[in-house]
Protein backbone atom coordinates (compact mmCIF):
# COMPACT_ATOMS: atom_id res chain seq x y z
CA MET A 1 -0.99 -13.29 5.55
CA THR A 2 -1.13 -10.65 8.27
CA LYS A 3 -4.47 -9.57 9.67
CA GLN A 4 -3.95 -6.09 8.24
CA PHE A 5 -3.47 -7.44 4.73
CA LEU A 6 -6.47 -9.73 5.02
CA LEU A 7 -8.53 -6.69 6.01
CA LEU A 8 -7.44 -4.94 2.80
CA VAL A 9 -8.37 -8.02 0.81
CA ALA A 10 -11.81 -8.25 2.38
CA CYS A 11 -12.82 -4.58 2.31
CA LEU A 12 -13.24 -2.14 -0.52
CA ARG A 13 -14.34 0.56 1.91
CA VAL A 14 -13.92 1.11 5.62
CA LEU A 15 -16.26 3.32 7.58
CA ILE A 16 -14.31 5.00 10.37
CA ALA A 17 -16.30 6.31 13.34
CA PRO A 18 -14.00 8.66 15.35
CA ALA A 19 -14.84 8.96 19.01
CA GLY A 20 -17.22 11.86 19.54
CA CYS A 21 -17.38 12.70 15.82
CA SER A 22 -19.74 11.97 12.97
CA ARG A 23 -19.10 8.85 10.92
CA LYS A 24 -16.67 9.27 8.03
CA SER A 25 -16.30 7.25 4.86
CA ILE A 26 -12.67 6.29 4.19
CA PRO A 27 -12.09 4.54 0.81
CA THR A 28 -9.53 1.76 1.12
CA PRO A 29 -8.05 0.14 -2.00
CA ALA A 30 -8.74 -3.52 -2.55
CA ALA A 31 -5.96 -6.01 -3.04
CA PRO A 32 -5.00 -6.44 -6.73
CA ASN A 33 -6.71 -9.12 -8.77
CA ILE A 34 -3.86 -11.51 -9.53
CA SER A 35 -4.68 -14.26 -12.00
CA LYS A 36 -1.29 -15.98 -12.33
CA ALA A 37 -0.27 -19.13 -10.51
CA ASP A 38 2.04 -17.38 -8.01
CA ASP A 39 -0.09 -14.75 -6.29
CA SER A 40 2.62 -13.73 -3.81
CA TYR A 41 3.87 -10.91 -6.05
CA MET A 42 2.89 -8.61 -8.92
CA ASP A 43 5.18 -6.94 -11.46
CA LEU A 44 4.34 -3.41 -12.54
CA GLU A 45 3.92 -3.15 -16.31
CA PRO A 46 4.21 -0.05 -18.51
CA GLU A 47 1.38 2.47 -18.07
CA TRP A 48 0.07 0.79 -14.92
CA LYS A 49 -0.81 3.17 -12.11
CA LEU A 50 0.10 2.95 -8.45
CA ARG A 51 -2.34 4.35 -5.90
CA ILE A 52 -1.03 4.90 -2.37
CA VAL A 53 -3.35 5.70 0.54
CA VAL A 54 -1.85 7.01 3.79
CA PRO A 55 -4.07 7.67 6.84
CA LEU A 56 -3.80 11.14 8.39
CA LEU A 57 -3.76 11.03 12.18
CA LYS A 58 -3.87 13.65 14.91
CA SER A 59 -0.81 11.97 16.40
CA GLY A 60 1.16 12.51 13.19
CA GLY A 61 1.71 8.79 12.61
CA PHE A 62 0.15 6.66 9.89
CA ARG A 63 -1.20 3.61 11.69
CA PRO A 64 -4.49 4.35 13.50
CA ALA A 65 -5.24 2.64 16.78
CA ILE A 66 -8.35 0.82 15.62
CA THR A 67 -10.81 -0.41 18.21
CA SER A 68 -14.06 -2.29 17.78
CA PRO A 69 -17.37 -0.56 18.51
CA GLN A 70 -19.16 -1.38 21.74
CA THR A 71 -21.41 -3.66 19.76
CA SER A 72 -20.19 -6.23 17.27
CA PRO A 73 -18.89 -4.67 14.01
CA GLN A 74 -21.60 -4.61 11.37
CA THR A 75 -20.77 -5.94 7.93
CA GLU A 76 -22.88 -5.00 4.92
CA GLY A 77 -21.61 -5.89 1.46
CA ASN A 78 -18.06 -4.51 1.22
CA THR A 79 -18.38 -2.27 4.29
CA ILE A 80 -17.15 -2.79 7.85
CA THR A 81 -17.74 -0.31 10.69
CA ILE A 82 -14.83 0.21 13.09
CA SER A 83 -13.55 2.99 15.34
CA ALA A 84 -10.33 5.06 15.14
CA ALA A 85 -10.33 8.02 17.49
CA ASP A 86 -7.26 9.82 16.07
CA LEU A 87 -8.07 9.50 12.34
CA ILE A 88 -8.76 12.85 10.66
CA GLY A 89 -8.59 11.81 7.00
CA TYR A 90 -6.32 10.29 4.39
CA GLU A 91 -3.89 11.25 1.65
CA VAL A 92 -3.90 9.62 -1.79
CA SER A 93 -0.89 9.72 -4.12
CA HIS A 94 -1.01 8.63 -7.77
CA TYR A 95 2.00 7.39 -9.72
CA ILE A 96 2.35 5.91 -13.22
CA ALA A 97 4.85 3.31 -14.44
CA LYS A 98 6.37 4.95 -17.52
CA ASP A 99 7.60 2.60 -20.24
CA LYS A 100 11.41 2.56 -20.57
CA GLY A 101 11.67 -0.45 -22.88
CA ASN A 102 12.19 -4.18 -22.32
CA ASN A 103 9.35 -4.19 -19.79
CA ARG A 104 11.33 -1.79 -17.60
CA VAL A 105 9.48 1.10 -15.98
CA ARG A 106 10.12 4.18 -13.92
CA LEU A 107 7.62 5.51 -11.40
CA GLN A 108 6.49 9.06 -12.13
CA PHE A 109 4.36 11.17 -9.80
CA VAL A 110 1.01 12.19 -11.33
CA SER A 111 -1.12 13.83 -8.63
CA ALA A 112 -2.20 13.71 -5.01
CA GLU A 113 -5.10 14.81 -2.87
CA ALA A 114 -5.80 14.94 0.84
CA THR A 115 -9.15 14.51 2.56
CA ARG A 116 -9.56 16.12 5.97
CA ASP A 117 -12.85 16.33 7.85
CA GLY A 118 -14.72 15.19 4.76
CA LYS A 119 -13.19 17.84 2.43
CA THR A 120 -10.84 16.86 -0.39
CA ALA A 121 -8.21 19.21 -1.80
CA PRO A 122 -5.36 18.64 -4.30
CA GLU A 123 -1.78 18.51 -3.05
CA PRO A 124 0.58 20.65 -5.21
CA ASN A 125 3.68 18.57 -4.43
CA PRO A 126 4.33 14.83 -4.02
CA PRO A 127 3.54 13.95 -0.39
CA LYS A 128 6.35 12.49 1.69
CA LEU A 129 5.68 8.78 1.99
CA PRO A 130 6.60 6.70 5.07
CA PHE A 131 8.57 4.35 2.79
CA SER A 132 10.83 4.63 -0.27
CA LEU A 133 9.95 4.16 -3.93
CA PRO A 134 12.51 3.12 -6.57
CA ARG A 135 13.73 6.22 -8.40
CA ARG A 136 15.61 4.49 -11.21
CA THR A 137 14.35 2.62 -14.24
CA GLY A 138 14.03 -1.10 -13.72
CA HIS A 139 11.79 -4.08 -13.14
CA ILE A 140 9.49 -3.20 -10.22
CA ARG A 141 7.69 -5.86 -8.20
CA LEU A 142 5.22 -5.75 -5.32
CA VAL A 143 5.84 -8.71 -3.02
CA TYR A 144 3.07 -9.86 -0.66
CA LEU A 145 4.13 -11.87 2.35
CA VAL A 146 2.13 -15.08 2.64
CA ARG A 147 3.06 -15.76 6.24
CA VAL A 148 3.11 -13.76 9.46
CA SER A 149 6.29 -11.72 9.85
CA GLN A 150 7.70 -10.28 13.04
CA ALA A 151 8.40 -7.02 11.22
CA ASP A 152 5.80 -4.23 11.00
CA HIS A 153 4.85 -4.70 7.35
CA ASN A 154 3.05 -6.99 4.93
CA MET A 155 4.26 -5.80 1.52
CA ALA A 156 7.66 -5.02 -0.01
CA ILE A 157 8.58 -3.09 -3.15
CA VAL A 158 11.49 -4.71 -4.98
CA ALA A 159 13.29 -3.38 -8.07
CA SER A 160 16.38 -4.05 -10.16
CA LYS A 161 17.67 -3.41 -13.67
CA ARG A 162 17.84 -7.19 -14.19
CA PRO A 163 14.68 -9.36 -13.98
CA GLU A 164 16.71 -12.40 -12.89
CA ALA A 165 17.97 -10.40 -9.90
CA VAL A 166 14.38 -9.55 -8.93
CA ASN A 167 13.35 -13.22 -9.15
CA ALA A 168 16.29 -14.46 -7.09
CA PHE A 169 15.84 -11.76 -4.47
CA THR A 170 12.10 -12.49 -4.17
CA ARG A 171 12.84 -16.12 -3.31
CA ARG A 172 15.38 -15.11 -0.68
CA LEU A 173 13.09 -12.44 0.75
CA LYS A 174 10.34 -14.96 1.45
CA GLU A 175 12.79 -17.03 3.45
CA ASN A 176 14.48 -14.13 5.21
CA PRO A 177 12.61 -10.78 5.32
CA GLY A 178 15.62 -9.24 7.06
CA ILE A 179 17.54 -8.94 3.78
CA CYS A 180 15.29 -6.13 2.50
CA GLY A 181 17.37 -3.02 1.88
CA LYS A 182 20.67 -4.77 2.57
CA GLU A 183 21.68 -6.20 -0.81
CA GLU A 184 23.52 -4.22 -3.47
CA GLY A 185 22.02 -4.10 -6.93
CA VAL A 186 18.45 -4.69 -5.68
CA PHE A 187 16.14 -2.01 -4.31
CA CYS A 188 13.87 -3.17 -1.48
CA SER A 189 11.55 -1.13 0.73
CA TRP A 190 8.88 -2.31 3.17
CA VAL A 191 5.41 -0.78 3.03
CA PRO A 192 4.44 -0.27 6.69
CA ALA A 193 1.24 -1.80 7.99
CA GLY A 194 -1.59 0.71 7.76
CA ILE A 195 -0.56 1.95 4.28
CA ALA A 196 -2.52 0.77 1.23
CA VAL A 197 -0.65 0.35 -2.09
CA ARG A 198 -2.82 -0.61 -5.05
CA PRO A 199 -1.59 -1.28 -8.60
CA GLU A 200 -4.17 -0.43 -11.26
CA LYS A 201 -4.13 -1.72 -14.80
CA PRO A 202 -4.77 0.87 -17.59
């Protein structure tokens, strides 16, 4: 897996210490607890929630330039201290997988909030995400790459009306990540590195 994904697996919270600013606590979702034999993907089931965390940067991007402190990073429980000079907060979007029958779902926006300089406020409209979500009803799968990819990502969202199409595409995607977004009948979107997407069971 990529280093960024391993960091998400290892950390439930990340303490960001911006240069010249007081230390801020930035919650980062953990990787999902997958109990099945193949842990390289997870299918969203009806009434599951999807929590998406996007860093807010002074530069306007979404991937902070993280640097280590002058001393070795301190680890205590599920906390790691690192430095990101341009990080000003984070935005959290909440979606729910609405049941459409036959284990098909459709993602519906629920709420969102943004935290800036330690203050959290609700967002009245769905925030614009740096990747696409499937808009139609179907079988939705989160695919986790289990090897280092040359592309700037470590997770893909795959969807189709037919479960067999999702299964076949998942196998091909692992062999050739370049097919994402290029096949008809199957939705595929990469989640850029730096973005946390966490499925939550009801």
